[in-house]
Amino acid sequence: MVEKKRKQRRRRRRRIEQEGKKNKGGEGRSAVALVTVIGIQFLEGEKMPTALQSLWLVSVCPASPTHYFNCASSDSKYTVEVAVATVMENSLSSQLPGNARRGVVINEPFIEDIVAFHREVLFLVRFPEEAPIPSKKRLACQYGGYQQFVAKALRVEFENGRAAISCQAPPKEFQWGVKSAVITVDKARKIIQKGMLTPSYQKPLKWTLTGIVYDVLDLTHTDITVFAKGIRNVPEVQEVVSAESLKDFHCIFGGFYETPVIAAAQEVFRCKHPPGSIASYVSGKKISLKVRGQIIPSLAFYHAPKSSQMPAAATAAAKQPLPSSSTQLEKQYKICSCTMIQNGAKFLREWVLYHSHLGVEKFFLYDNNSDDELEEVVATLSSFNVTRQAWPWVKTQEAGFSHCALQAQSQCTWMLYTDIDEFLFPGYKRSSPSILEMLIDETLKKTAENATLGQIQMPCLTFGPTGLTDSPAQGVTQGYTCRLKQPERHKSMVLLDSITSSLQNAIHHFTLKPAFQTVVSTQAVINHYKYQAWAEFQFKFHGRAATYVVDWTEDRQLTSKDRAPNLGNKAVKPADWETQFCEVLDYGLRDYTRELFASDPNGTYMAWQARDDI
């Protein structure tokens, strides 16, 4: 039997070699070689995926009259026979992660990925289409086998067929792994991993130590934007990645096809789309990054553009994906606002109503793991065009702002980046056009003749507790009226089309394309209510949103301007806290808002207050 099979292989090899000799010298070969493998077309000269290189060593590969391909390598002329329908399908599908594998039908929820943060664990759970998502009250996370640790769900977010379920992490000394972690529903039904769809890693992905692709935006036909943690996470690499260093990075689609990174800074990497036929095949499959030859884990999925105009290959236009304002049609909104928020529900109405008065037409809130009534408060602000984006990624503020710039770029001309304890205070009252449009017009006059206004920076005035021991019921603008004399830092309003393709930003301002200019405004300031009553201020010790700012509990960067002076790394209230940071009495914004939003000149009731606060 063995000898018979050997003879069959020898006869088959001789037949294919004879066919190869007939085609030698290019006879019978097409001008542009094309190979079709399970619906994927590879043009001559394209980089073949790793999964194929062991089977196809291709420079020119015409189809023979048989069911095989006759392939010539650039190194040595020889032939390879491949049963396309079976070998190639198995070779590729074995590398495809999660439910991206072909033919997988989801009929019950299963755990797709697990990420361990410092205090919490994030379970990413895939649900069948149209399946109801249990509320957080019905869910719990169970860790361990014989010994177990159970924690109630803290938050449940749902997007694109996947639920993000957050629970308290087990104690550090508790041993557990991916296979022993489950989600329980109503303390009975369990959501577990599912056979071949189980994560390939044995321990949960550690957010602080491991490079992880955590999000992707594929909004344009020229390029996609990948967000990755743990690759360039030190201050020295906040600058744009050089052209030479970009060669170290590639996007990986579906586990096998790669395209080069064309721009990168901080946690943002921009790549070309795959060619059209490949893009349609890998759509819905995971996308990752190859960093210096090593593919890092990914939580994100690629979705090819839906238009039939998907390019055969990404073009050079991807290097400048944000068009200049002179070539862009008028957008839906002139001025929008973006902020990252965590447990700021009680301050949100004041911030939204006030900035809507200034001329903000749409608000983008990036909810960074809030546990308060933020969703309920957002629902009451529907008339102010407020949208909430779940953003569970810890210490990724800069990446969140980049994400927001891309997300809003087709809708908004200008974007105001401030926190919810920061209020832009203009030097004039409302008229037509809006106050913010007036600010833009006034700043334009100070722009250099050979430049275009791309960003307006406004100095921040830092306010202190003003003698208060609790948050003022009428709002921060009414209660905090004493501040430091000198301004600290700046916050910005940016023309979205002026942002460089790397999307680099720091402390709420962006790096611009060369033709655009940043101008510091003399017409407006930002009232920053940073040092509030201790009952509120102490929550800043729970963690900082910015990527390159250390958490205040760490014994590092103790003199950073982000910290409170002389406070150290422990949330211990100084005896004189209520009187600190008070050098100048400033009633400007308090009086301004009373004219607009108060029930009487004394500000007894402000328009943003809930009735039970009166």
Foldseek 3Di string as FASTA:
>chain_A
DVVVVVVVVVVVQVVLVVQVVVCPPNVPFDPWAWDAAPQDIDIAPDDFWPLCVVQAQARHWDDDPDQFIAGQHPVGGGGGGDNRVPPVLVSQLVQFAACLRPPDAAPAKAFQAWEDEDFKIKTKIAGHPPDDDDAQVFKWKWWDDPDIDIWGWLDWDDDDRIIITMTTDDPPVDDGWQQRMWMGGNNPDIHYHDVRNRDPDTHHHYQAAFKEFEEKADPDLQKIKIFIGDDQQAPVQQDKDDPVQQVQKWKDFSRIDTFGFLTAGDRITMTGQAADSVLVSRAQTWMFMRGNNRTGYYPYGHHHDPDPPRHRIRDPCLQQVQADPVPDDDAQAAEAEEEEDAQPLLLPLVLLVQVVQQPHQAYEYAYASHNDCNVVSVVVCVVSHYDYHDDPRAQCGLVVVLVVLVVCVRHYFKYFYDYSQKDKDFQDHADPPGNVVVQVVVQQVVDDPQAAAFKEKAFEWEWAAQLDQDADQLHPLQRTFFAADDTDDIAMMGGSSFARSNSRDDPHDGDGDPRHDYYYDPGIHMYRHQHHNLVPNLCQQVGDNHSHDGRLLDQPPQVDPVDDPPPHSDSDDDPCRNPPRGDDGGNPSVQVQCVPFAPDNVRPHGNSGDPVSD
